[in-house]
Every structure is written in C-alpha cells, then in structure tokens.
N, C-alpha and C. Protein backbone atom coordinates (compact mmCIF):
# COMPACT_ATOMS: atom_id res chain seq x y z
N MET A 1 34.12 -58.49 215.63
CA MET A 1 33.93 -57.30 215.37
C MET A 1 35.21 -56.37 215.81
N ASN A 2 35.45 -55.49 214.88
CA ASN A 2 36.53 -54.64 215.04
C ASN A 2 35.90 -53.26 215.55
N LEU A 3 36.83 -52.46 215.89
CA LEU A 3 36.37 -51.03 216.36
C LEU A 3 35.84 -50.28 215.52
N GLN A 4 35.89 -50.14 214.36
CA GLN A 4 35.34 -49.61 213.09
C GLN A 4 33.59 -49.80 213.05
N ALA A 5 33.76 -51.30 213.13
CA ALA A 5 32.43 -51.79 212.69
C ALA A 5 31.55 -51.42 214.00
N ILE A 6 31.77 -51.40 215.12
CA ILE A 6 31.03 -51.12 216.28
C ILE A 6 30.79 -49.53 216.25
N LYS A 7 31.92 -48.67 215.91
CA LYS A 7 31.73 -47.23 215.77
C LYS A 7 30.63 -46.84 214.62
N SER A 8 30.60 -47.82 213.75
CA SER A 8 29.60 -47.37 212.78
C SER A 8 27.91 -48.07 212.99
N SER A 9 28.27 -48.92 213.83
CA SER A 9 26.89 -49.39 214.27
C SER A 9 26.21 -48.24 215.09
N VAL A 10 27.29 -48.00 216.26
CA VAL A 10 26.62 -46.79 217.11
C VAL A 10 26.27 -45.65 216.43
N MET A 11 27.02 -45.28 215.57
CA MET A 11 26.57 -44.02 214.84
C MET A 11 25.16 -44.23 214.10
N LYS A 12 25.03 -45.31 213.37
CA LYS A 12 23.90 -45.48 212.54
C LYS A 12 22.86 -45.60 213.57
N PHE A 13 22.75 -46.21 214.73
CA PHE A 13 21.63 -46.13 215.64
C PHE A 13 21.46 -44.67 216.35
N ILE A 14 22.27 -43.94 216.56
CA ILE A 14 22.21 -42.66 216.81
C ILE A 14 21.39 -41.79 215.90
N LYS A 15 21.71 -42.01 214.75
CA LYS A 15 21.23 -41.15 213.41
C LYS A 15 19.75 -41.77 213.13
N ASP A 16 19.32 -42.81 213.55
CA ASP A 16 17.92 -43.49 213.47
C ASP A 16 16.97 -42.64 213.99
N GLU A 17 16.05 -42.08 213.04
CA GLU A 17 14.89 -41.19 213.89
C GLU A 17 13.59 -41.94 213.96
N GLU A 18 13.61 -43.20 213.50
CA GLU A 18 12.00 -43.97 213.77
C GLU A 18 11.66 -44.12 214.90
N GLY A 19 12.70 -44.54 216.03
CA GLY A 19 12.29 -44.48 217.20
C GLY A 19 12.01 -43.32 217.99
N LEU A 20 12.55 -42.19 217.51
CA LEU A 20 12.15 -40.80 218.19
C LEU A 20 10.46 -40.36 217.85
N THR A 21 10.26 -41.09 216.54
CA THR A 21 8.84 -40.47 216.04
C THR A 21 7.68 -41.29 217.09
N ILE A 22 8.24 -42.60 217.27
CA ILE A 22 7.02 -43.20 218.23
C ILE A 22 7.05 -42.76 219.69
N VAL A 23 8.15 -42.36 220.11
CA VAL A 23 8.21 -41.60 221.36
C VAL A 23 7.46 -40.35 221.31
N GLU A 24 7.71 -39.50 220.19
CA GLU A 24 6.92 -38.41 220.15
C GLU A 24 5.66 -38.33 220.15
N TYR A 25 4.90 -39.64 219.46
CA TYR A 25 3.52 -39.99 219.28
C TYR A 25 3.04 -40.13 220.66
N ALA A 26 3.81 -40.96 221.44
CA ALA A 26 3.39 -41.25 222.79
C ALA A 26 3.46 -40.26 223.64
N VAL A 27 4.16 -39.26 223.63
CA VAL A 27 4.25 -38.07 224.53
C VAL A 27 3.11 -37.21 224.16
N ALA A 28 2.69 -36.98 222.82
CA ALA A 28 1.83 -36.33 222.37
C ALA A 28 0.31 -37.00 222.88
N GLY A 29 0.28 -38.07 222.92
CA GLY A 29 -1.08 -38.92 223.13
C GLY A 29 -1.09 -38.97 224.63
N GLY A 30 -0.12 -38.95 225.48
CA GLY A 30 -0.19 -38.74 226.75
C GLY A 30 -0.84 -37.25 227.17
N LEU A 31 -0.20 -36.22 226.47
CA LEU A 31 -0.81 -34.98 226.86
C LEU A 31 -2.18 -34.68 226.76
N ILE A 32 -2.60 -35.25 225.51
CA ILE A 32 -4.07 -35.05 224.92
C ILE A 32 -4.80 -35.68 226.05
N THR A 33 -4.41 -36.95 226.51
CA THR A 33 -5.13 -37.64 227.37
C THR A 33 -5.26 -36.85 228.98
N VAL A 34 -4.22 -36.28 229.44
CA VAL A 34 -4.48 -35.49 230.58
C VAL A 34 -5.34 -34.28 230.29
N ALA A 35 -5.26 -33.71 229.22
CA ALA A 35 -6.09 -32.49 228.93
C ALA A 35 -7.44 -32.82 228.79
N VAL A 36 -7.79 -33.76 228.17
CA VAL A 36 -9.30 -34.50 228.27
C VAL A 36 -9.57 -34.77 229.63
N ALA A 37 -8.84 -35.43 230.36
CA ALA A 37 -9.08 -35.74 231.69
C ALA A 37 -9.59 -34.44 232.72
N ALA A 38 -8.80 -33.65 232.47
CA ALA A 38 -8.75 -32.68 233.23
C ALA A 38 -9.92 -31.73 232.85
N ALA A 39 -10.51 -31.79 231.60
CA ALA A 39 -11.59 -31.24 231.23
C ALA A 39 -12.96 -31.93 231.51
N PHE A 40 -13.18 -33.31 231.64
CA PHE A 40 -14.23 -33.84 232.22
C PHE A 40 -14.19 -33.78 233.87
N VAL A 41 -13.10 -33.56 234.42
CA VAL A 41 -13.23 -33.42 235.85
C VAL A 41 -13.81 -31.81 235.89
N THR A 42 -13.51 -30.92 235.40
CA THR A 42 -13.94 -29.54 235.50
C THR A 42 -15.33 -29.57 235.18
N LEU A 43 -15.73 -30.27 233.84
CA LEU A 43 -17.13 -30.20 233.47
C LEU A 43 -18.00 -30.74 234.49
N GLY A 44 -17.58 -32.14 235.21
CA GLY A 44 -18.36 -32.59 235.87
C GLY A 44 -18.65 -31.87 237.19
N THR A 45 -17.68 -31.18 237.87
CA THR A 45 -17.68 -30.25 238.78
C THR A 45 -19.01 -29.26 238.59
N GLU A 46 -19.03 -28.62 237.44
CA GLU A 46 -19.83 -27.82 237.07
C GLU A 46 -21.26 -28.39 236.95
N VAL A 47 -21.43 -29.53 236.37
CA VAL A 47 -22.78 -30.22 236.06
C VAL A 47 -23.17 -30.48 237.47
N GLU A 48 -22.44 -30.93 238.47
CA GLU A 48 -22.61 -31.38 239.66
C GLU A 48 -23.45 -30.08 240.58
N THR A 49 -22.45 -28.97 240.50
CA THR A 49 -23.04 -27.69 241.17
C THR A 49 -24.29 -27.24 240.49
N ASN A 50 -24.48 -27.33 239.25
CA ASN A 50 -25.86 -26.72 238.45
C ASN A 50 -26.97 -27.83 239.01
N ILE A 51 -26.72 -29.11 239.22
CA ILE A 51 -27.91 -30.10 239.49
C ILE A 51 -28.07 -29.64 240.87
N LYS A 52 -27.43 -29.54 241.83
CA LYS A 52 -27.82 -29.14 243.01
C LYS A 52 -28.37 -28.04 243.27
N ASP A 53 -28.18 -26.87 242.42
CA ASP A 53 -28.81 -25.59 242.59
C ASP A 53 -30.23 -25.84 241.97
N LEU A 54 -30.52 -26.67 240.98
CA LEU A 54 -31.71 -27.07 240.63
C LEU A 54 -32.68 -27.91 241.41
N CYS A 55 -32.08 -28.87 242.15
CA CYS A 55 -32.66 -29.60 243.33
C CYS A 55 -33.27 -28.73 244.25
N LYS A 56 -32.37 -27.91 244.60
CA LYS A 56 -32.80 -26.78 245.57
C LYS A 56 -33.82 -25.87 245.29
N ALA A 57 -33.75 -25.46 244.12
CA ALA A 57 -34.75 -24.53 243.67
C ALA A 57 -36.08 -25.18 243.76
N VAL A 58 -36.07 -26.51 243.07
CA VAL A 58 -37.36 -27.23 243.08
C VAL A 58 -38.11 -27.70 244.32
N ASN A 59 -36.97 -28.01 245.51
CA ASN A 59 -37.46 -28.44 246.84
C ASN A 59 -37.52 -27.36 247.76
N GLY A 60 -37.32 -26.14 247.24
CA GLY A 60 -37.63 -25.23 248.22
C GLY A 60 -36.34 -24.92 249.45
N ASN A 61 -35.00 -25.08 248.83
CA ASN A 61 -33.79 -24.84 249.45
C ASN A 61 -33.61 -26.05 250.42
N VAL A 62 -34.36 -27.08 250.31
CA VAL A 62 -33.95 -28.27 251.01
C VAL A 62 -32.71 -29.11 250.71
N ALA A 63 -31.97 -29.34 251.62
CA ALA A 63 -30.54 -30.06 251.11
C ALA A 63 -30.82 -31.24 250.03
N CYS A 64 -29.96 -31.12 249.12
CA CYS A 64 -30.26 -32.44 248.17
C CYS A 64 -28.67 -33.32 248.14
N PRO A 65 -28.86 -34.21 247.86
CA PRO A 65 -27.83 -35.28 248.03
C PRO A 65 -26.68 -34.72 246.93
C-alpha cells in the first residue's frame, strides 16, 4: 500500500457516519435507562412512605415495619 491509499482509507473512515449513529443510540438508551431508574426509586420511596402512614393510621400509631 502506498501513502495515498492509506490516506484515502483514513479519510473514508473519518467520514463514515454509520458508527456514530450506533453510538448515539447507545447514549440515548443509557440516558433513558438512568431516567427510568431514578423515577422508580423516587416513586418507591413515596409509596413506602404512604404505606407506613396508612399502617400507622390503621394500627393507632403503632410502629409498622
């Protein structure tokens, strides 16, 4: 291979956008996963608080697990 062929191959690789699309989808998927996990953690905490309050109301302020 001569220098011109190597330069041509490198430039073709740099201009190729197909790999970039896959990376973009991977990053977007990761961000969505983090957002969903954070929402579930927040929702779980609120549900736990509400269940404990309900338990205390039913049992007359006796400690609930």
